[in-house]
Amino acid sequence: MLAMEPLFIGVVSDHNIFMCSSIVVLLMWLKLFYWLRLFQVTAVFVRLITETLFDIKEFIVLIGMLILAFGNALLILHLEDKRVGGDGLFDEVFGISFFDATIN
C-alpha cells in the first residue's frame, strides 16, 4: 500500500497543522456531547450544562475584560523593559505584542 503524501508540505508549517487539528478534534468532541441530547439519560445533563453556560455569559464578559486589563498593563511594563534594554517580561510567541501579553 502506498503511503499518503501530505498535501501541504512546504506551504503550511507543522505547527499550524497541529493547531488546526487540535481545534477540529475539540469541535468533534463538542459535537458528540451535542448528540448526547438524543438519549433521555444524558439529555438532562447536556441541557444543564448549556443552561449554565448561557446563564454565566455576563460573568464571562467581566472575566474577559479583567484578563484584557491585566494584559494591557503587562504590555506596558513589557514595552518599558524592552525600551531600557531588557529582555522583556514574556516571550513573543505570536508576534503581536498585545496577544502575547494577554496570553501571558
PDB file of N, CA and C in Angstrom:
ATOM      1  N   MET A   1       0.837  -1.177   0.000  1.00  0.00           N
ATOM      2  CA  MET A   1       0.000   0.000   0.000  1.00  0.00           C
ATOM      3  C   MET A   1       0.882   1.242   0.000  1.00  0.00           C
ATOM      4  N   LEU A   2       0.554   2.195  -0.806  1.00  0.00           N
ATOM      5  CA  LEU A   2       1.330   3.424  -0.906  1.00  0.00           C
ATOM      6  C   LEU A   2       1.022   4.346   0.260  1.00  0.00           C
ATOM      7  N   ALA A   3       2.098   4.975   0.752  1.00  0.00           N
ATOM      8  CA  ALA A   3       1.908   5.935   1.841  1.00  0.00           C
ATOM      9  C   ALA A   3       1.351   7.233   1.260  1.00  0.00           C
ATOM     10  N   MET A   4       0.415   7.821   1.986  1.00  0.00           N
ATOM     11  CA  MET A   4      -0.175   9.094   1.537  1.00  0.00           C
ATOM     12  C   MET A   4       0.827  10.218   1.801  1.00  0.00           C
ATOM     13  N   GLU A   5       1.048  11.029   0.828  1.00  0.00           N
ATOM     14  CA  GLU A   5       1.929  12.177   0.922  1.00  0.00           C
ATOM     15  C   GLU A   5       1.111  13.372   1.427  1.00  0.00           C
ATOM     16  N   PRO A   6       1.558  14.067   2.491  1.00  0.00           N
ATOM     17  CA  PRO A   6       0.807  15.240   2.964  1.00  0.00           C
ATOM     18  C   PRO A   6       0.669  16.292   1.871  1.00  0.00           C
ATOM     19  N   LEU A   7      -0.480  16.924   1.809  1.00  0.00           N
ATOM     20  CA  LEU A   7      -0.763  17.886   0.747  1.00  0.00           C
ATOM     21  C   LEU A   7      -0.097  19.234   0.943  1.00  0.00           C
ATOM     22  N   PHE A   8       0.218  19.584   2.171  1.00  0.00           N
ATOM     23  CA  PHE A   8       0.653  20.945   2.459  1.00  0.00           C
ATOM     24  C   PHE A   8       2.132  21.036   2.819  1.00  0.00           C
ATOM     25  N   ILE A   9       2.959  20.123   2.353  1.00  0.00           N
ATOM     26  CA  ILE A   9       4.384  20.172   2.675  1.00  0.00           C
ATOM     27  C   ILE A   9       4.985  21.444   2.092  1.00  0.00           C
ATOM     28  N   GLY A  10       5.646  22.203   2.931  1.00  0.00           N
ATOM     29  CA  GLY A  10       6.296  23.423   2.498  1.00  0.00           C
ATOM     30  C   GLY A  10       5.368  24.623   2.385  1.00  0.00           C
ATOM     31  N   VAL A  11       4.070  24.425   2.449  1.00  0.00           N
ATOM     32  CA  VAL A  11       3.126  25.527   2.328  1.00  0.00           C
ATOM     33  C   VAL A  11       2.679  25.998   3.700  1.00  0.00           C
ATOM     34  N   VAL A  12       2.311  25.054   4.550  1.00  0.00           N
ATOM     35  CA  VAL A  12       1.834  25.351   5.900  1.00  0.00           C
ATOM     36  C   VAL A  12       2.778  24.671   6.886  1.00  0.00           C
ATOM     37  N   SER A  13       3.143  25.365   7.932  1.00  0.00           N
ATOM     38  CA  SER A  13       4.074  24.789   8.909  1.00  0.00           C
ATOM     39  C   SER A  13       3.395  23.675   9.697  1.00  0.00           C
ATOM     40  N   ASP A  14       4.211  22.777  10.217  1.00  0.00           N
ATOM     41  CA  ASP A  14       3.687  21.675  11.028  1.00  0.00           C
ATOM     42  C   ASP A  14       2.946  22.195  12.256  1.00  0.00           C
ATOM     43  N   HIS A  15       3.447  23.283  12.823  1.00  0.00           N
ATOM     44  CA  HIS A  15       2.797  23.867  13.999  1.00  0.00           C
ATOM     45  C   HIS A  15       1.357  24.275  13.678  1.00  0.00           C
ATOM     46  N   ASN A  16       1.152  24.928  12.545  1.00  0.00           N
ATOM     47  CA  ASN A  16      -0.196  25.356  12.162  1.00  0.00           C
ATOM     48  C   ASN A  16      -1.100  24.165  11.871  1.00  0.00           C
ATOM     49  N   ILE A  17      -0.556  23.114  11.281  1.00  0.00           N
ATOM     50  CA  ILE A  17      -1.351  21.914  11.012  1.00  0.00           C
ATOM     51  C   ILE A  17      -1.804  21.284  12.318  1.00  0.00           C
ATOM     52  N   PHE A  18      -0.894  21.188  13.306  1.00  0.00           N
ATOM     53  CA  PHE A  18      -1.264  20.601  14.588  1.00  0.00           C
ATOM     54  C   PHE A  18      -2.252  21.483  15.348  1.00  0.00           C
ATOM     55  N   MET A  19      -2.113  22.804  15.241  1.00  0.00           N
ATOM     56  CA  MET A  19      -3.068  23.698  15.894  1.00  0.00           C
ATOM     57  C   MET A  19      -4.462  23.524  15.299  1.00  0.00           C
ATOM     58  N   CYS A  20      -4.554  23.472  13.979  1.00  0.00           N
ATOM     59  CA  CYS A  20      -5.851  23.266  13.324  1.00  0.00           C
ATOM     60  C   CYS A  20      -6.422  21.901  13.662  1.00  0.00           C
ATOM     61  N   SER A  21      -5.567  20.891  13.723  1.00  0.00           N
ATOM     62  CA  SER A  21      -6.033  19.546  14.063  1.00  0.00           C
ATOM     63  C   SER A  21      -6.597  19.499  15.476  1.00  0.00           C
ATOM     64  N   SER A  22      -5.959  20.189  16.412  1.00  0.00           N
ATOM     65  CA  SER A  22      -6.464  20.178  17.789  1.00  0.00           C
ATOM     66  C   SER A  22      -7.813  20.878  17.878  1.00  0.00           C
ATOM     67  N   ILE A  23      -8.004  21.952  17.109  1.00  0.00           N
ATOM     68  CA  ILE A  23      -9.294  22.652  17.114  1.00  0.00           C
ATOM     69  C   ILE A  23     -10.380  21.756  16.523  1.00  0.00           C
ATOM     70  N   VAL A  24     -10.054  21.052  15.447  1.00  0.00           N
ATOM     71  CA  VAL A  24     -11.033  20.168  14.817  1.00  0.00           C
ATOM     72  C   VAL A  24     -11.410  19.020  15.744  1.00  0.00           C
ATOM     73  N   VAL A  25     -10.441  18.468  16.460  1.00  0.00           N
ATOM     74  CA  VAL A  25     -10.741  17.384  17.405  1.00  0.00           C
ATOM     75  C   VAL A  25     -11.623  17.898  18.539  1.00  0.00           C
ATOM     76  N   LEU A  26     -11.349  19.102  19.032  1.00  0.00           N
ATOM     77  CA  LEU A  26     -12.201  19.691  20.073  1.00  0.00           C
ATOM     78  C   LEU A  26     -13.624  19.869  19.574  1.00  0.00           C
ATOM     79  N   LEU A  27     -13.787  20.357  18.352  1.00  0.00           N
ATOM     80  CA  LEU A  27     -15.133  20.518  17.788  1.00  0.00           C
ATOM     81  C   LEU A  27     -15.834  19.174  17.614  1.00  0.00           C
ATOM     82  N   MET A  28     -15.080  18.138  17.288  1.00  0.00           N
ATOM     83  CA  MET A  28     -15.665  16.812  17.161  1.00  0.00           C
ATOM     84  C   MET A  28     -16.224  16.335  18.502  1.00  0.00           C
ATOM     85  N   TRP A  29     -15.452  16.542  19.578  1.00  0.00           N
ATOM     86  CA  TRP A  29     -15.926  16.143  20.901  1.00  0.00           C
ATOM     87  C   TRP A  29     -17.149  16.962  21.327  1.00  0.00           C
ATOM     88  N   LEU A  30     -17.155  18.258  21.017  1.00  0.00           N
ATOM     89  CA  LEU A  30     -18.319  19.082  21.343  1.00  0.00           C
ATOM     90  C   LEU A  30     -19.557  18.609  20.594  1.00  0.00           C
ATOM     91  N   LYS A  31     -19.373  18.188  19.358  1.00  0.00           N
ATOM     92  CA  LYS A  31     -20.498  17.661  18.589  1.00  0.00           C
ATOM     93  C   LYS A  31     -21.011  16.352  19.205  1.00  0.00           C
ATOM     94  N   LEU A  32     -20.108  15.540  19.709  1.00  0.00           N
ATOM     95  CA  LEU A  32     -20.527  14.305  20.379  1.00  0.00           C
ATOM     96  C   LEU A  32     -21.393  14.626  21.593  1.00  0.00           C
ATOM     97  N   PHE A  33     -20.956  15.607  22.397  1.00  0.00           N
ATOM     98  CA  PHE A  33     -21.768  15.988  23.551  1.00  0.00           C
ATOM     99  C   PHE A  33     -23.117  16.546  23.123  1.00  0.00           C
ATOM    100  N   TYR A  34     -23.133  17.252  22.015  1.00  0.00           N
ATOM    101  CA  TYR A  34     -24.394  17.787  21.497  1.00  0.00           C
ATOM    102  C   TYR A  34     -25.330  16.645  21.092  1.00  0.00           C
ATOM    103  N   TRP A  35     -24.787  15.606  20.481  1.00  0.00           N
ATOM    104  CA  TRP A  35     -25.603  14.465  20.072  1.00  0.00           C
ATOM    105  C   TRP A  35     -26.094  13.643  21.265  1.00  0.00           C
ATOM    106  N   LEU A  36     -25.486  13.791  22.425  1.00  0.00           N
ATOM    107  CA  LEU A  36     -25.943  13.073  23.615  1.00  0.00           C
ATOM    108  C   LEU A  36     -27.312  13.547  24.084  1.00  0.00           C
ATOM    109  N   ARG A  37     -27.806  14.635  23.507  1.00  0.00           N
ATOM    110  CA  ARG A  37     -29.161  15.093  23.839  1.00  0.00           C
ATOM    111  C   ARG A  37     -30.222  14.115  23.360  1.00  0.00           C
ATOM    112  N   LEU A  38     -29.884  13.269  22.420  1.00  0.00           N
ATOM    113  CA  LEU A  38     -30.864  12.326  21.877  1.00  0.00           C
ATOM    114  C   LEU A  38     -31.295  11.271  22.885  1.00  0.00           C
ATOM    115  N   PHE A  39     -30.430  10.967  23.833  1.00  0.00           N
ATOM    116  CA  PHE A  39     -30.724   9.919  24.802  1.00  0.00           C
ATOM    117  C   PHE A  39     -31.279  10.537  26.076  1.00  0.00           C
ATOM    118  N   GLN A  40     -32.332   9.936  26.589  1.00  0.00           N
ATOM    119  CA  GLN A  40     -33.023  10.501  27.741  1.00  0.00           C
ATOM    120  C   GLN A  40     -32.119  10.572  28.967  1.00  0.00           C
ATOM    121  N   VAL A  41     -31.239   9.606  29.125  1.00  0.00           N
ATOM    122  CA  VAL A  41     -30.369   9.568  30.303  1.00  0.00           C
ATOM    123  C   VAL A  41     -29.393  10.742  30.309  1.00  0.00           C
ATOM    124  N   THR A  42     -28.841  11.072  29.153  1.00  0.00           N
ATOM    125  CA  THR A  42     -27.831  12.132  29.101  1.00  0.00           C
ATOM    126  C   THR A  42     -28.400  13.499  28.721  1.00  0.00           C
ATOM    127  N   ALA A  43     -29.609  13.547  28.214  1.00  0.00           N
ATOM    128  CA  ALA A  43     -30.190  14.819  27.761  1.00  0.00           C
ATOM    129  C   ALA A  43     -30.316  15.822  28.908  1.00  0.00           C
ATOM    130  N   VAL A  44     -30.642  15.336  30.091  1.00  0.00           N
ATOM    131  CA  VAL A  44     -30.799  16.224  31.248  1.00  0.00           C
ATOM    132  C   VAL A  44     -29.478  16.917  31.559  1.00  0.00           C
ATOM    133  N   PHE A  45     -28.392  16.172  31.511  1.00  0.00           N
ATOM    134  CA  PHE A  45     -27.090  16.735  31.846  1.00  0.00           C
ATOM    135  C   PHE A  45     -26.598  17.710  30.778  1.00  0.00           C
ATOM    136  N   VAL A  46     -26.835  17.386  29.523  1.00  0.00           N
ATOM    137  CA  VAL A  46     -26.442  18.286  28.447  1.00  0.00           C
ATOM    138  C   VAL A  46     -27.230  19.587  28.549  1.00  0.00           C
ATOM    139  N   ARG A  47     -28.511  19.481  28.829  1.00  0.00           N
ATOM    140  CA  ARG A  47     -29.334  20.689  28.992  1.00  0.00           C
ATOM    141  C   ARG A  47     -28.870  21.507  30.189  1.00  0.00           C
ATOM    142  N   LEU A  48     -28.493  20.846  31.272  1.00  0.00           N
ATOM    143  CA  LEU A  48     -27.989  21.535  32.458  1.00  0.00           C
ATOM    144  C   LEU A  48     -26.713  22.306  32.137  1.00  0.00           C
ATOM    145  N   ILE A  49     -25.817  21.706  31.388  1.00  0.00           N
ATOM    146  CA  ILE A  49     -24.567  22.372  31.032  1.00  0.00           C
ATOM    147  C   ILE A  49     -24.835  23.565  30.117  1.00  0.00           C
ATOM    148  N   THR A  50     -25.691  23.396  29.115  1.00  0.00           N
ATOM    149  CA  THR A  50     -25.952  24.509  28.189  1.00  0.00           C
ATOM    150  C   THR A  50     -26.644  25.677  28.895  1.00  0.00           C
ATOM    151  N   GLU A  51     -27.588  25.384  29.775  1.00  0.00           N
ATOM    152  CA  GLU A  51     -28.252  26.470  30.501  1.00  0.00           C
ATOM    153  C   GLU A  51     -27.294  27.182  31.444  1.00  0.00           C
ATOM    154  N   THR A  52     -26.394  26.429  32.050  1.00  0.00           N
ATOM    155  CA  THR A  52     -25.399  27.044  32.926  1.00  0.00           C
ATOM    156  C   THR A  52     -24.490  27.967  32.139  1.00  0.00           C
ATOM    157  N   LEU A  53     -24.057  27.540  30.963  1.00  0.00           N
ATOM    158  CA  LEU A  53     -23.188  28.377  30.138  1.00  0.00           C
ATOM    159  C   LEU A  53     -23.908  29.642  29.678  1.00  0.00           C
ATOM    160  N   PHE A  54     -25.190  29.531  29.349  1.00  0.00           N
ATOM    161  CA  PHE A  54     -25.943  30.720  28.947  1.00  0.00           C
ATOM    162  C   PHE A  54     -26.172  31.664  30.123  1.00  0.00           C
ATOM    163  N   ASP A  55     -26.310  31.124  31.320  1.00  0.00           N
ATOM    164  CA  ASP A  55     -26.555  31.974  32.487  1.00  0.00           C
ATOM    165  C   ASP A  55     -25.309  32.711  32.969  1.00  0.00           C
ATOM    166  N   ILE A  56     -24.113  32.204  32.640  1.00  0.00           N
ATOM    167  CA  ILE A  56     -22.904  32.866  33.130  1.00  0.00           C
ATOM    168  C   ILE A  56     -22.253  33.754  32.076  1.00  0.00           C
ATOM    169  N   LYS A  57     -22.966  34.092  31.008  1.00  0.00           N
ATOM    170  CA  LYS A  57     -22.352  34.876  29.927  1.00  0.00           C
ATOM    171  C   LYS A  57     -21.913  36.260  30.397  1.00  0.00           C
ATOM    172  N   GLU A  58     -22.647  36.911  31.292  1.00  0.00           N
ATOM    173  CA  GLU A  58     -22.247  38.217  31.793  1.00  0.00           C
ATOM    174  C   GLU A  58     -20.965  38.105  32.617  1.00  0.00           C
ATOM    175  N   PHE A  59     -20.867  37.043  33.405  1.00  0.00           N
ATOM    176  CA  PHE A  59     -19.666  36.808  34.207  1.00  0.00           C
ATOM    177  C   PHE A  59     -18.462  36.565  33.294  1.00  0.00           C
ATOM    178  N   ILE A  60     -18.647  35.821  32.226  1.00  0.00           N
ATOM    179  CA  ILE A  60     -17.560  35.553  31.286  1.00  0.00           C
ATOM    180  C   ILE A  60     -17.090  36.854  30.635  1.00  0.00           C
ATOM    181  N   VAL A  61     -18.006  37.756  30.325  1.00  0.00           N
ATOM    182  CA  VAL A  61     -17.628  39.058  29.753  1.00  0.00           C
ATOM    183  C   VAL A  61     -16.770  39.826  30.753  1.00  0.00           C
ATOM    184  N   LEU A  62     -17.164  39.831  32.027  1.00  0.00           N
ATOM    185  CA  LEU A  62     -16.381  40.539  33.047  1.00  0.00           C
ATOM    186  C   LEU A  62     -14.998  39.916  33.219  1.00  0.00           C
ATOM    187  N   ILE A  63     -14.913  38.600  33.230  1.00  0.00           N
ATOM    188  CA  ILE A  63     -13.617  37.926  33.352  1.00  0.00           C
ATOM    189  C   ILE A  63     -12.746  38.255  32.139  1.00  0.00           C
ATOM    190  N   GLY A  64     -13.345  38.262  30.956  1.00  0.00           N
ATOM    191  CA  GLY A  64     -12.590  38.629  29.750  1.00  0.00           C
ATOM    192  C   GLY A  64     -12.043  40.036  29.828  1.00  0.00           C
ATOM    193  N   MET A  65     -12.857  40.958  30.330  1.00  0.00           N
ATOM    194  CA  MET A  65     -12.401  42.344  30.476  1.00  0.00           C
ATOM    195  C   MET A  65     -11.257  42.439  31.486  1.00  0.00           C
ATOM    196  N   LEU A  66     -11.339  41.675  32.571  1.00  0.00           N
ATOM    197  CA  LEU A  66     -10.251  41.671  33.557  1.00  0.00           C
ATOM    198  C   LEU A  66      -8.960  41.121  32.963  1.00  0.00           C
ATOM    199  N   ILE A  67      -9.061  40.055  32.189  1.00  0.00           N
ATOM    200  CA  ILE A  67      -7.870  39.477  31.551  1.00  0.00           C
ATOM    201  C   ILE A  67      -7.258  40.485  30.589  1.00  0.00           C
ATOM    202  N   LEU A  68      -8.094  41.170  29.803  1.00  0.00           N
ATOM    203  CA  LEU A  68      -7.583  42.193  28.886  1.00  0.00           C
ATOM    204  C   LEU A  68      -6.939  43.357  29.641  1.00  0.00           C
ATOM    205  N   ALA A  69      -7.507  43.735  30.785  1.00  0.00           N
ATOM    206  CA  ALA A  69      -6.943  44.839  31.575  1.00  0.00           C
ATOM    207  C   ALA A  69      -5.558  44.464  32.099  1.00  0.00           C
ATOM    208  N   PHE A  70      -5.405  43.265  32.651  1.00  0.00           N
ATOM    209  CA  PHE A  70      -4.101  42.840  33.136  1.00  0.00           C
ATOM    210  C   PHE A  70      -3.122  42.634  31.980  1.00  0.00           C
ATOM    211  N   GLY A  71      -3.611  42.154  30.849  1.00  0.00           N
ATOM    212  CA  GLY A  71      -2.756  42.014  29.671  1.00  0.00           C
ATOM    213  C   GLY A  71      -2.253  43.355  29.179  1.00  0.00           C
ATOM    214  N   ASN A  72      -3.102  44.370  29.226  1.00  0.00           N
ATOM    215  CA  ASN A  72      -2.703  45.717  28.806  1.00  0.00           C
ATOM    216  C   ASN A  72      -1.638  46.275  29.736  1.00  0.00           C
ATOM    217  N   ALA A  73      -1.819  46.093  31.035  1.00  0.00           N
ATOM    218  CA  ALA A  73      -0.821  46.570  31.996  1.00  0.00           C
ATOM    219  C   ALA A  73       0.503  45.828  31.810  1.00  0.00           C
ATOM    220  N   LEU A  74       0.445  44.526  31.570  1.00  0.00           N
ATOM    221  CA  LEU A  74       1.658  43.746  31.342  1.00  0.00           C
ATOM    222  C   LEU A  74       2.356  44.180  30.059  1.00  0.00           C
ATOM    223  N   LEU A  75       1.584  44.532  29.044  1.00  0.00           N
ATOM    224  CA  LEU A  75       2.163  45.005  27.783  1.00  0.00           C
ATOM    225  C   LEU A  75       2.932  46.306  27.996  1.00  0.00           C
ATOM    226  N   ILE A  76       2.379  47.217  28.761  1.00  0.00           N
ATOM    227  CA  ILE A  76       3.058  48.486  29.024  1.00  0.00           C
ATOM    228  C   ILE A  76       4.372  48.246  29.764  1.00  0.00           C
ATOM    229  N   LEU A  77       4.346  47.367  30.773  1.00  0.00           N
ATOM    230  CA  LEU A  77       5.577  47.049  31.504  1.00  0.00           C
ATOM    231  C   LEU A  77       6.593  46.352  30.611  1.00  0.00           C
ATOM    232  N   HIS A  78       6.126  45.490  29.731  1.00  0.00           N
ATOM    233  CA  HIS A  78       6.993  44.776  28.801  1.00  0.00           C
ATOM    234  C   HIS A  78       7.677  45.752  27.832  1.00  0.00           C
ATOM    235  N   LEU A  79       6.906  46.680  27.272  1.00  0.00           N
ATOM    236  CA  LEU A  79       7.469  47.650  26.335  1.00  0.00           C
ATOM    237  C   LEU A  79       8.479  48.565  27.014  1.00  0.00           C
ATOM    238  N   GLU A  80       8.207  48.944  28.257  1.00  0.00           N
ATOM    239  CA  GLU A  80       9.149  49.775  29.002  1.00  0.00           C
ATOM    240  C   GLU A  80      10.435  49.011  29.279  1.00  0.00           C
ATOM    241  N   ASP A  81      10.329  47.733  29.635  1.00  0.00           N
ATOM    242  CA  ASP A  81      11.513  46.924  29.911  1.00  0.00           C
ATOM    243  C   ASP A  81      12.364  46.763  28.650  1.00  0.00           C
ATOM    244  N   LYS A  82      11.721  46.580  27.499  1.00  0.00           N
ATOM    245  CA  LYS A  82      12.470  46.455  26.243  1.00  0.00           C
ATOM    246  C   LYS A  82      13.090  47.791  25.828  1.00  0.00           C
ATOM    247  N   ARG A  83      12.406  48.905  26.182  1.00  0.00           N
ATOM    248  CA  ARG A  83      12.921  50.228  25.817  1.00  0.00           C
ATOM    249  C   ARG A  83      14.223  50.535  26.543  1.00  0.00           C
ATOM    250  N   VAL A  84      14.346  50.108  27.786  1.00  0.00           N
ATOM    251  CA  VAL A  84      15.564  50.378  28.557  1.00  0.00           C
ATOM    252  C   VAL A  84      16.631  49.311  28.341  1.00  0.00           C
ATOM    253  N   GLY A  85      16.385  48.365  27.429  1.00  0.00           N
ATOM    254  CA  GLY A  85      17.418  47.392  27.077  1.00  0.00           C
ATOM    255  C   GLY A  85      17.254  46.028  27.716  1.00  0.00           C
ATOM    256  N   GLY A  86      16.145  45.772  28.372  1.00  0.00           N
ATOM    257  CA  GLY A  86      15.918  44.467  28.986  1.00  0.00           C
ATOM    258  C   GLY A  86      15.431  43.439  27.972  1.00  0.00           C
ATOM    259  N   ASP A  87      15.248  42.233  28.460  1.00  0.00           N
ATOM    260  CA  ASP A  87      14.773  41.143  27.601  1.00  0.00           C
ATOM    261  C   ASP A  87      13.260  41.145  27.434  1.00  0.00           C
ATOM    262  N   GLY A  88      12.564  41.921  28.226  1.00  0.00           N
ATOM    263  CA  GLY A  88      11.103  41.904  28.205  1.00  0.00           C
ATOM    264  C   GLY A  88      10.586  40.970  29.286  1.00  0.00           C
ATOM    265  N   LEU A  89       9.318  41.047  29.541  1.00  0.00           N
ATOM    266  CA  LEU A  89       8.721  40.255  30.611  1.00  0.00           C
ATOM    267  C   LEU A  89       8.191  38.901  30.140  1.00  0.00           C
ATOM    268  N   PHE A  90       8.013  38.745  28.833  1.00  0.00           N
ATOM    269  CA  PHE A  90       7.473  37.486  28.309  1.00  0.00           C
ATOM    270  C   PHE A  90       8.032  37.240  26.918  1.00  0.00           C
ATOM    271  N   ASP A  91       7.920  35.996  26.484  1.00  0.00           N
ATOM    272  CA  ASP A  91       8.358  35.633  25.132  1.00  0.00           C
ATOM    273  C   ASP A  91       7.275  36.014  24.139  1.00  0.00           C
ATOM    274  N   GLU A  92       7.694  36.508  23.005  1.00  0.00           N
ATOM    275  CA  GLU A  92       6.743  36.895  21.971  1.00  0.00           C
ATOM    276  C   GLU A  92       6.507  35.697  21.058  1.00  0.00           C
ATOM    277  N   VAL A  93       5.421  34.987  21.299  1.00  0.00           N
ATOM    278  CA  VAL A  93       5.115  33.761  20.568  1.00  0.00           C
ATOM    279  C   VAL A  93       4.388  34.067  19.270  1.00  0.00           C
ATOM    280  N   PHE A  94       3.347  34.906  19.342  1.00  0.00           N
ATOM    281  CA  PHE A  94       2.508  35.189  18.183  1.00  0.00           C
ATOM    282  C   PHE A  94       3.078  36.297  17.299  1.00  0.00           C
ATOM    283  N   GLY A  95       3.939  37.126  17.848  1.00  0.00           N
ATOM    284  CA  GLY A  95       4.471  38.250  17.096  1.00  0.00           C
ATOM    285  C   GLY A  95       3.623  39.499  17.204  1.00  0.00           C
ATOM    286  N   ILE A  96       2.484  39.415  17.857  1.00  0.00           N
ATOM    287  CA  ILE A  96       1.625  40.567  18.113  1.00  0.00           C
ATOM    288  C   ILE A  96       1.673  40.796  19.623  1.00  0.00           C
ATOM    289  N   SER A  97       2.287  41.898  20.015  1.00  0.00           N
ATOM    290  CA  SER A  97       2.589  42.116  21.430  1.00  0.00           C
ATOM    291  C   SER A  97       1.357  42.073  22.322  1.00  0.00           C
ATOM    292  N   PHE A  98       0.222  42.619  21.853  1.00  0.00           N
ATOM    293  CA  PHE A  98      -0.978  42.634  22.693  1.00  0.00           C
ATOM    294  C   PHE A  98      -1.477  41.219  22.965  1.00  0.00           C
ATOM    295  N   PHE A  99      -1.492  40.362  21.937  1.00  0.00           N
ATOM    296  CA  PHE A  99      -1.933  38.976  22.139  1.00  0.00           C
ATOM    297  C   PHE A  99      -0.973  38.229  23.049  1.00  0.00           C
ATOM    298  N   ASP A 100       0.337  38.455  22.863  1.00  0.00           N
ATOM    299  CA  ASP A 100       1.325  37.796  23.709  1.00  0.00           C
ATOM    300  C   ASP A 100       1.171  38.214  25.158  1.00  0.00           C
ATOM    301  N   ALA A 101       0.953  39.497  25.404  1.00  0.00           N
ATOM    302  CA  ALA A 101       0.772  39.985  26.770  1.00  0.00           C
ATOM    303  C   ALA A 101      -0.502  39.418  27.390  1.00  0.00           C
ATOM    304  N   THR A 102      -1.568  39.361  26.625  1.00  0.00           N
ATOM    305  CA  THR A 102      -2.837  38.861  27.144  1.00  0.00           C
ATOM    306  C   THR A 102      -2.734  37.378  27.487  1.00  0.00           C
ATOM    307  N   ILE A 103      -2.092  36.601  26.646  1.00  0.00           N
ATOM    308  CA  ILE A 103      -1.939  35.165  26.920  1.00  0.00           C
ATOM    309  C   ILE A 103      -1.050  34.945  28.143  1.00  0.00           C
ATOM    310  N   ASN A 104       0.012  35.744  28.272  1.00  0.00           N
ATOM    311  CA  ASN A 104       0.909  35.575  29.409  1.00  0.00           C
ATOM    312  C   ASN A 104       0.276  36.109  30.673  1.00  0.00           C
TER     313      ASN A 104
END
